[in-house]
Amino acid sequence: MDNPNTITHITNTTPEESLYERDFYQWGLYNAELLRQGRFAEIDVENIAEEIEGMSRSYKRELFSRLSVLITHLLKWQYQYKKRSRSWSKTVYTQRREIKIVLKFSPSLKYNIEIIINDAFEDAKFEFEKQTKISKDILPAICPYTFKQLSDYDFWPEETPEETPEETPEETPEETIV
C-alpha cells in the first residue's frame, strides 16, 4: 500500500470536487510534497495562498482574544477589588504568557498592537459588564492600559471603586447647605 505522505497516493478527484474540498489533510500533504520536489506548476496556488492568509489571521485573532481576556480581568481587578481571587491572577498571568508566545512567533503583530488593544478593549468592556453586572459606561472610552503595562507581569491596576447609583451615598440633612 502506498504511503499517504508520498505524492503517489492521490485519490481520484472529479472536476466537481477537488482534493482540497474532499480531503484537506491529503491535499496538504500532497501540495507540501509537490513544493519539496520543486513541482511548482502543479501546486494548488490559490488554495495555498488562502490557507497561508488564514493562518496569519488566526494569530491575530488569538492575540485579540487573549488581550480581551487579559483586559477584562484587569478591569475586574481594578473595579471589583473586594472580589479579587487567585483564579483572576492566574488568568492574568496565563494571558500575559500566551501573548508573549504569540508575539514571539509573529513579532510583526506588534506594529499594530495599539489598534488590536483598543479593539480588544471594546470587546472586554462588554464581557466586563456581563461578568460583573457593572455598567460598561463607567469605563474609560479608550483602554486605560498600555501595551507595556499589559505585558508587565508586575503591573496590577490601582483600585477604582465601582460607582453605581445604589452605592452612591445620599446627602444627609446636616450636609445640605441652604
C-alpha atoms as a PDB file:
ATOM      1  CA  MET A   1       0.000   0.000   0.000  1.00  0.00           C
ATOM      2  CA  ASP A   2       1.225   3.485  -0.809  1.00  0.00           C
ATOM      3  CA  ASN A   3       2.415   5.733   1.986  1.00  0.00           C
ATOM      4  CA  PRO A   4      -0.160   8.550   2.372  1.00  0.00           C
ATOM      5  CA  ASN A   5       2.733  11.011   2.747  1.00  0.00           C
ATOM      6  CA  THR A   6       4.059  10.369  -0.733  1.00  0.00           C
ATOM      7  CA  ILE A   7       2.964  12.081  -3.882  1.00  0.00           C
ATOM      8  CA  THR A   8       1.878   8.830  -5.473  1.00  0.00           C
ATOM      9  CA  HIS A   9      -1.016   8.353  -3.039  1.00  0.00           C
ATOM     10  CA  ILE A  10      -3.680  10.549  -4.636  1.00  0.00           C
ATOM     11  CA  THR A  11      -7.294   9.594  -4.734  1.00  0.00           C
ATOM     12  CA  ASN A  12      -9.256  10.284  -7.878  1.00  0.00           C
ATOM     13  CA  THR A  13     -10.984  13.634  -7.980  1.00  0.00           C
ATOM     14  CA  THR A  14     -13.763  14.801 -10.181  1.00  0.00           C
ATOM     15  CA  PRO A  15     -13.950  18.256 -11.738  1.00  0.00           C
ATOM     16  CA  GLU A  16     -16.900  18.978  -9.420  1.00  0.00           C
ATOM     17  CA  GLU A  17     -14.957  18.144  -6.252  1.00  0.00           C
ATOM     18  CA  SER A  18     -11.273  18.880  -5.775  1.00  0.00           C
ATOM     19  CA  LEU A  19      -8.957  17.100  -3.373  1.00  0.00           C
ATOM     20  CA  TYR A  20      -8.912  20.312  -1.324  1.00  0.00           C
ATOM     21  CA  GLU A  21     -12.690  20.096  -0.861  1.00  0.00           C
ATOM     22  CA  ARG A  22     -12.831  16.353  -0.296  1.00  0.00           C
ATOM     23  CA  ASP A  23      -9.780  15.654   1.891  1.00  0.00           C
ATOM     24  CA  PHE A  24      -7.996  18.703   3.270  1.00  0.00           C
ATOM     25  CA  TYR A  25      -5.393  16.637   5.118  1.00  0.00           C
ATOM     26  CA  GLN A  26      -4.383  14.718   1.997  1.00  0.00           C
ATOM     27  CA  TRP A  27      -4.445  17.932  -0.053  1.00  0.00           C
ATOM     28  CA  GLY A  28      -1.981  19.495   2.400  1.00  0.00           C
ATOM     29  CA  LEU A  29       0.401  16.535   2.307  1.00  0.00           C
ATOM     30  CA  TYR A  30       0.199  16.360  -1.483  1.00  0.00           C
ATOM     31  CA  ASN A  31       0.950  20.053  -2.018  1.00  0.00           C
ATOM     32  CA  ALA A  32       3.767  20.016   0.551  1.00  0.00           C
ATOM     33  CA  GLU A  33       5.387  17.157  -1.345  1.00  0.00           C
ATOM     34  CA  LEU A  34       4.968  18.979  -4.662  1.00  0.00           C
ATOM     35  CA  LEU A  35       6.705  22.010  -3.143  1.00  0.00           C
ATOM     36  CA  ARG A  36       9.559  19.875  -1.791  1.00  0.00           C
ATOM     37  CA  GLN A  37      10.029  18.306  -5.221  1.00  0.00           C
ATOM     38  CA  GLY A  38      10.016  21.706  -6.905  1.00  0.00           C
ATOM     39  CA  ARG A  39       6.952  20.875  -8.993  1.00  0.00           C
ATOM     40  CA  PHE A  40       5.566  24.386  -8.689  1.00  0.00           C
ATOM     41  CA  ALA A  41       3.411  24.266 -11.807  1.00  0.00           C
ATOM     42  CA  GLU A  42       1.323  21.517 -10.206  1.00  0.00           C
ATOM     43  CA  ILE A  43       0.617  23.077  -6.819  1.00  0.00           C
ATOM     44  CA  ASP A  44      -2.764  24.469  -5.862  1.00  0.00           C
ATOM     45  CA  VAL A  45      -1.585  28.103  -5.649  1.00  0.00           C
ATOM     46  CA  GLU A  46      -4.943  29.749  -4.923  1.00  0.00           C
ATOM     47  CA  ASN A  47      -5.896  27.478  -2.039  1.00  0.00           C
ATOM     48  CA  ILE A  48      -2.378  27.510  -0.608  1.00  0.00           C
ATOM     49  CA  ALA A  49      -2.434  31.331  -0.609  1.00  0.00           C
ATOM     50  CA  GLU A  50      -5.837  31.333   1.120  1.00  0.00           C
ATOM     51  CA  GLU A  51      -4.626  28.893   3.762  1.00  0.00           C
ATOM     52  CA  ILE A  52      -1.493  30.953   4.472  1.00  0.00           C
ATOM     53  CA  GLU A  53      -3.606  34.103   4.835  1.00  0.00           C
ATOM     54  CA  GLY A  54      -5.945  32.203   7.137  1.00  0.00           C
ATOM     55  CA  MET A  55      -3.041  31.107   9.312  1.00  0.00           C
ATOM     56  CA  SER A  56      -1.903  34.729   9.587  1.00  0.00           C
ATOM     57  CA  ARG A  57      -5.391  35.870  10.579  1.00  0.00           C
ATOM     58  CA  SER A  58      -5.596  33.143  13.208  1.00  0.00           C
ATOM     59  CA  TYR A  59      -2.526  34.538  15.013  1.00  0.00           C
ATOM     60  CA  LYS A  60      -4.129  37.992  15.030  1.00  0.00           C
ATOM     61  CA  ARG A  61      -7.428  36.526  16.298  1.00  0.00           C
ATOM     62  CA  GLU A  62      -5.582  34.688  19.059  1.00  0.00           C
ATOM     63  CA  LEU A  63      -3.773  37.876  20.094  1.00  0.00           C
ATOM     64  CA  PHE A  64      -7.083  39.792  20.093  1.00  0.00           C
ATOM     65  CA  SER A  65      -8.803  37.088  22.146  1.00  0.00           C
ATOM     66  CA  ARG A  66      -6.030  36.862  24.719  1.00  0.00           C
ATOM     67  CA  LEU A  67      -5.843  40.654  25.054  1.00  0.00           C
ATOM     68  CA  SER A  68      -9.603  40.798  25.548  1.00  0.00           C
ATOM     69  CA  VAL A  69      -9.482  38.207  28.350  1.00  0.00           C
ATOM     70  CA  LEU A  70      -6.481  39.947  29.944  1.00  0.00           C
ATOM     71  CA  ILE A  71      -8.106  43.381  29.827  1.00  0.00           C
ATOM     72  CA  THR A  72     -11.395  42.000  31.186  1.00  0.00           C
ATOM     73  CA  HIS A  73      -9.604  40.521  34.174  1.00  0.00           C
ATOM     74  CA  LEU A  74      -7.561  43.661  34.804  1.00  0.00           C
ATOM     75  CA  LEU A  75     -10.762  45.704  34.739  1.00  0.00           C
ATOM     76  CA  LYS A  76     -12.366  43.294  37.203  1.00  0.00           C
ATOM     77  CA  TRP A  77      -9.218  43.505  39.354  1.00  0.00           C
ATOM     78  CA  GLN A  78      -9.426  47.296  39.263  1.00  0.00           C
ATOM     79  CA  TYR A  79     -13.177  47.780  39.736  1.00  0.00           C
ATOM     80  CA  GLN A  80     -14.065  44.764  41.852  1.00  0.00           C
ATOM     81  CA  TYR A  81     -11.060  44.768  44.134  1.00  0.00           C
ATOM     82  CA  LYS A  82     -13.076  43.275  47.027  1.00  0.00           C
ATOM     83  CA  LYS A  83     -13.733  40.178  44.916  1.00  0.00           C
ATOM     84  CA  ARG A  84     -10.158  39.550  43.757  1.00  0.00           C
ATOM     85  CA  SER A  85      -9.259  35.905  43.561  1.00  0.00           C
ATOM     86  CA  ARG A  86      -6.352  33.640  42.874  1.00  0.00           C
ATOM     87  CA  SER A  87      -8.199  32.499  39.752  1.00  0.00           C
ATOM     88  CA  TRP A  88      -8.152  36.060  38.362  1.00  0.00           C
ATOM     89  CA  SER A  89      -4.432  36.436  38.978  1.00  0.00           C
ATOM     90  CA  LYS A  90      -3.770  33.052  37.334  1.00  0.00           C
ATOM     91  CA  THR A  91      -5.804  34.106  34.298  1.00  0.00           C
ATOM     92  CA  VAL A  92      -3.884  37.386  34.033  1.00  0.00           C
ATOM     93  CA  TYR A  93      -0.573  35.548  34.276  1.00  0.00           C
ATOM     94  CA  THR A  94      -1.597  32.931  31.695  1.00  0.00           C
ATOM     95  CA  GLN A  95      -2.830  35.523  29.194  1.00  0.00           C
ATOM     96  CA  ARG A  96       0.374  37.578  29.539  1.00  0.00           C
ATOM     97  CA  ARG A  97       2.492  34.472  28.975  1.00  0.00           C
ATOM     98  CA  GLU A  98       0.456  33.360  25.955  1.00  0.00           C
ATOM     99  CA  ILE A  99       0.525  36.883  24.438  1.00  0.00           C
ATOM    100  CA  LYS A 100       4.325  36.860  24.690  1.00  0.00           C
ATOM    101  CA  ILE A 101       4.404  33.500  22.908  1.00  0.00           C
ATOM    102  CA  VAL A 102       2.123  34.709  20.085  1.00  0.00           C
ATOM    103  CA  LEU A 103       4.306  37.799  19.634  1.00  0.00           C
ATOM    104  CA  LYS A 104       7.474  35.688  19.717  1.00  0.00           C
ATOM    105  CA  PHE A 105       6.248  33.687  16.721  1.00  0.00           C
ATOM    106  CA  SER A 106       4.598  36.655  14.982  1.00  0.00           C
ATOM    107  CA  PRO A 107       6.560  39.765  16.022  1.00  0.00           C
ATOM    108  CA  SER A 108       5.081  41.859  13.200  1.00  0.00           C
ATOM    109  CA  LEU A 109       1.787  41.908  15.133  1.00  0.00           C
ATOM    110  CA  LYS A 110       3.464  44.444  17.450  1.00  0.00           C
ATOM    111  CA  TYR A 111       3.328  47.058  14.676  1.00  0.00           C
ATOM    112  CA  ASN A 112      -0.442  47.448  15.038  1.00  0.00           C
ATOM    113  CA  ILE A 113      -0.671  46.463  18.690  1.00  0.00           C
ATOM    114  CA  GLU A 114      -2.427  49.665  19.835  1.00  0.00           C
ATOM    115  CA  ILE A 115      -5.225  49.102  17.320  1.00  0.00           C
ATOM    116  CA  ILE A 116      -5.600  45.486  18.439  1.00  0.00           C
ATOM    117  CA  ILE A 117      -5.571  46.586  22.106  1.00  0.00           C
ATOM    118  CA  ASN A 118      -8.304  49.155  21.503  1.00  0.00           C
ATOM    119  CA  ASP A 119     -10.423  46.613  19.625  1.00  0.00           C
ATOM    120  CA  ALA A 120      -9.873  44.086  22.423  1.00  0.00           C
ATOM    121  CA  PHE A 121     -10.820  46.754  24.980  1.00  0.00           C
ATOM    122  CA  GLU A 122     -14.167  47.274  23.244  1.00  0.00           C
ATOM    123  CA  ASP A 123     -14.801  43.536  23.498  1.00  0.00           C
ATOM    124  CA  ALA A 124     -13.560  43.446  27.114  1.00  0.00           C
ATOM    125  CA  LYS A 125     -15.998  46.191  28.132  1.00  0.00           C
ATOM    126  CA  PHE A 126     -18.956  44.029  27.109  1.00  0.00           C
ATOM    127  CA  GLU A 127     -17.500  40.985  28.848  1.00  0.00           C
ATOM    128  CA  PHE A 128     -16.759  43.072  31.973  1.00  0.00           C
ATOM    129  CA  GLU A 129     -20.382  44.236  32.102  1.00  0.00           C
ATOM    130  CA  LYS A 130     -21.700  40.705  31.536  1.00  0.00           C
ATOM    131  CA  GLN A 131     -19.493  39.156  34.219  1.00  0.00           C
ATOM    132  CA  THR A 132     -19.735  41.884  36.867  1.00  0.00           C
ATOM    133  CA  LYS A 133     -23.194  43.363  36.256  1.00  0.00           C
ATOM    134  CA  ILE A 134     -21.471  46.781  36.407  1.00  0.00           C
ATOM    135  CA  SER A 135     -22.323  49.126  33.550  1.00  0.00           C
ATOM    136  CA  LYS A 136     -19.572  49.411  30.978  1.00  0.00           C
ATOM    137  CA  ASP A 137     -20.448  53.117  30.831  1.00  0.00           C
ATOM    138  CA  ILE A 138     -18.269  53.736  33.906  1.00  0.00           C
ATOM    139  CA  LEU A 139     -15.205  52.590  31.959  1.00  0.00           C
ATOM    140  CA  PRO A 140     -12.983  54.985  30.016  1.00  0.00           C
ATOM    141  CA  ALA A 141     -13.525  55.487  26.288  1.00  0.00           C
ATOM    142  CA  ILE A 142     -10.087  54.099  25.411  1.00  0.00           C
ATOM    143  CA  CYS A 143      -8.100  51.320  27.007  1.00  0.00           C
ATOM    144  CA  PRO A 144      -6.563  52.547  30.261  1.00  0.00           C
ATOM    145  CA  TYR A 145      -3.628  50.144  29.963  1.00  0.00           C
ATOM    146  CA  THR A 146      -0.629  50.495  27.684  1.00  0.00           C
ATOM    147  CA  PHE A 147       0.970  47.607  25.863  1.00  0.00           C
ATOM    148  CA  LYS A 148       3.904  47.892  28.261  1.00  0.00           C
ATOM    149  CA  GLN A 149       1.549  47.555  31.254  1.00  0.00           C
ATOM    150  CA  LEU A 150      -0.364  44.681  29.686  1.00  0.00           C
ATOM    151  CA  SER A 151       2.937  42.860  29.119  1.00  0.00           C
ATOM    152  CA  ASP A 152       4.373  43.568  32.574  1.00  0.00           C
ATOM    153  CA  TYR A 153       3.922  40.658  34.984  1.00  0.00           C
ATOM    154  CA  ASP A 154       4.293  43.099  37.892  1.00  0.00           C
ATOM    155  CA  PHE A 155       1.630  45.546  36.712  1.00  0.00           C
ATOM    156  CA  TRP A 156      -1.699  45.466  38.540  1.00  0.00           C
ATOM    157  CA  PRO A 157      -4.114  48.395  38.223  1.00  0.00           C
ATOM    158  CA  GLU A 158      -4.968  50.592  41.205  1.00  0.00           C
ATOM    159  CA  GLU A 159      -8.295  50.080  42.915  1.00  0.00           C
ATOM    160  CA  THR A 160     -11.128  52.096  41.407  1.00  0.00           C
ATOM    161  CA  PRO A 161     -14.361  51.824  43.358  1.00  0.00           C
ATOM    162  CA  GLU A 162     -17.332  50.984  41.206  1.00  0.00           C
ATOM    163  CA  GLU A 163     -19.885  53.736  41.422  1.00  0.00           C
ATOM    164  CA  THR A 164     -23.403  52.751  40.720  1.00  0.00           C
ATOM    165  CA  PRO A 165     -26.468  54.769  41.697  1.00  0.00           C
ATOM    166  CA  GLU A 166     -27.470  52.422  44.508  1.00  0.00           C
ATOM    167  CA  GLU A 167     -23.991  52.647  46.048  1.00  0.00           C
ATOM    168  CA  THR A 168     -23.637  56.430  45.901  1.00  0.00           C
ATOM    169  CA  PRO A 169     -24.135  57.830  49.405  1.00  0.00           C
ATOM    170  CA  GLU A 170     -27.025  60.228  49.677  1.00  0.00           C
ATOM    171  CA  GLU A 171     -26.682  63.568  51.390  1.00  0.00           C
ATOM    172  CA  THR A 172     -27.934  63.741  54.939  1.00  0.00           C
ATOM    173  CA  PRO A 173     -29.867  66.803  56.113  1.00  0.00           C
ATOM    174  CA  GLU A 174     -26.837  68.007  58.119  1.00  0.00           C
ATOM    175  CA  GLU A 175     -24.729  68.126  54.937  1.00  0.00           C
ATOM    176  CA  THR A 176     -27.275  70.076  52.936  1.00  0.00           C
ATOM    177  CA  ILE A 177     -26.389  73.740  52.568  1.00  0.00           C
ATOM    178  CA  VAL A 178     -29.343  76.055  52.325  1.00  0.00           C
END
